[in-house]
Amino acid sequence: MKAKVYINENFVGITNFKISDESMGGIIGDLIPNENYDLYKSNVQSLSEKKGIANCSDFNFILELDNKQKLNPEGGIGISDFKQFNEIIIESAGNSNEIMKLIKNASS
């Protein structure tokens, strides 16, 4: 299921989520960044190098599904962006059963 990714009020890209761990409410996707992501890229990469991920304690990440529903995952949201790789991974854990069903149905 597609989602828009925001940091604060800035739209920074899109992703297409799939389930990574259903029992933990985990979803994952590749972030396709736009030019606004460049405002945060160096900080996200630095945090990724230091601790493996930039998470909700570092940035105010907001995920909005295609149906305009905003996610409120108990386990948070994180982005991993390592300079040596040409991909940016966004993940979220602790999503509700309702969200997991939406994503599962969108994937089938």
Protein backbone atom coordinates (compact mmCIF):
# COMPACT_ATOMS: atom_id res chain seq x y z
CA MET A 1 0.00 0.00 0.00
CA LYS A 2 1.36 3.38 -0.97
CA ALA A 3 2.01 6.05 1.62
CA LYS A 4 3.31 9.60 1.70
CA VAL A 5 6.22 10.23 4.05
CA TYR A 6 6.59 13.50 5.92
CA ILE A 7 9.16 14.90 8.31
CA ASN A 8 7.27 17.51 10.29
CA GLU A 9 5.12 19.22 7.65
CA ASN A 10 7.57 18.54 4.81
CA PHE A 11 6.55 15.91 2.25
CA VAL A 12 9.83 14.02 1.69
CA GLY A 13 8.80 11.07 -0.47
CA ILE A 14 6.61 8.06 -1.05
CA THR A 15 6.80 4.38 -0.26
CA ASN A 16 4.91 1.21 -1.01
CA PHE A 17 4.56 -0.67 2.26
CA LYS A 18 4.48 -4.43 2.61
CA ILE A 19 4.21 -6.51 5.75
CA SER A 20 7.55 -7.41 7.30
CA ASP A 21 6.36 -8.99 10.57
CA GLU A 22 2.62 -9.45 10.94
CA SER A 23 2.76 -10.56 14.59
CA MET A 24 4.60 -7.35 15.56
CA GLY A 25 2.58 -5.05 13.31
CA GLY A 26 5.67 -4.47 11.22
CA ILE A 27 5.70 -2.91 7.76
CA ILE A 28 8.58 -1.95 5.48
CA GLY A 29 9.18 -0.22 2.18
CA ASP A 30 11.71 1.60 0.03
CA LEU A 31 11.55 5.36 0.37
CA ILE A 32 11.48 7.15 -2.96
CA PRO A 33 12.64 10.59 -1.86
CA ASN A 34 11.86 13.95 -3.40
CA GLU A 35 13.95 17.14 -3.24
CA ASN A 36 12.69 17.93 0.30
CA TYR A 37 14.45 14.81 1.62
CA ASP A 38 17.75 16.53 0.86
CA LEU A 39 17.08 18.85 3.83
CA TYR A 40 17.34 15.84 6.17
CA LYS A 41 19.52 13.38 4.25
CA SER A 42 22.86 14.10 5.92
CA ASN A 43 21.34 13.90 9.41
CA VAL A 44 19.45 10.68 8.57
CA GLN A 45 22.63 9.14 7.14
CA SER A 46 24.68 10.19 10.17
CA LEU A 47 22.14 8.66 12.56
CA SER A 48 21.94 5.51 10.41
CA GLU A 49 25.71 5.13 10.68
CA LYS A 50 25.72 5.74 14.44
CA LYS A 51 22.78 3.60 15.52
CA GLY A 52 21.47 1.78 12.45
CA ILE A 53 18.34 3.91 11.99
CA ALA A 54 16.94 7.41 12.38
CA ASN A 55 13.73 7.06 14.38
CA CYS A 56 10.88 8.99 15.99
CA SER A 57 13.12 10.27 18.78
CA ASP A 58 15.22 11.99 16.08
CA PHE A 59 12.55 13.27 13.69
CA ASN A 60 8.80 13.79 13.60
CA PHE A 61 7.98 11.18 10.95
CA ILE A 62 4.42 11.11 9.63
CA LEU A 63 3.04 8.40 7.36
CA GLU A 64 -0.16 8.97 5.41
CA LEU A 65 -1.74 6.11 3.48
CA ASP A 66 -3.41 6.59 0.10
CA ASN A 67 -6.77 6.70 1.87
CA LYS A 68 -5.52 9.78 3.83
CA GLN A 69 -5.29 7.75 7.06
CA LYS A 70 -2.28 8.68 9.19
CA LEU A 71 -0.45 5.87 10.97
CA ASN A 72 0.10 5.97 14.70
CA PRO A 73 2.33 2.94 15.32
CA GLU A 74 3.10 2.00 18.91
CA GLY A 75 6.63 0.94 17.99
CA GLY A 76 7.46 4.01 15.95
CA ILE A 77 8.79 4.82 12.51
CA GLY A 78 12.37 4.74 11.30
CA ILE A 79 14.46 5.40 8.21
CA SER A 80 17.77 3.71 7.38
CA ASP A 81 19.88 5.50 4.78
CA PHE A 82 23.50 4.40 4.45
CA LYS A 83 25.83 6.30 2.10
CA GLN A 84 27.31 3.11 0.67
CA PHE A 85 23.93 1.72 -0.44
CA ASN A 86 21.61 3.08 -3.09
CA GLU A 87 18.39 2.47 -1.18
CA ILE A 88 16.54 4.11 1.67
CA ILE A 89 14.44 1.83 3.87
CA ILE A 90 11.49 3.03 5.93
CA GLU A 91 9.87 0.80 8.50
CA SER A 92 7.25 0.94 11.18
CA ALA A 93 6.26 -1.41 14.00
CA GLY A 94 3.33 -1.76 16.32
CA ASN A 95 0.69 -0.89 13.75
CA SER A 96 -2.92 -1.73 14.52
CA ASN A 97 -4.67 -4.82 13.18
CA GLU A 98 -6.81 -2.52 11.04
CA ILE A 99 -3.73 -1.03 9.35
CA MET A 100 -2.18 -4.45 8.89
CA LYS A 101 -5.36 -5.71 7.17
CA LEU A 102 -5.39 -2.70 4.83
CA ILE A 103 -1.77 -3.29 3.83
CA LYS A 104 -2.25 -7.03 3.48
CA ASN A 105 -5.34 -6.55 1.27
CA ALA A 106 -3.55 -3.94 -0.87
CA SER A 107 -0.67 -6.37 -1.44
CA SER A 108 -2.87 -9.26 -2.63
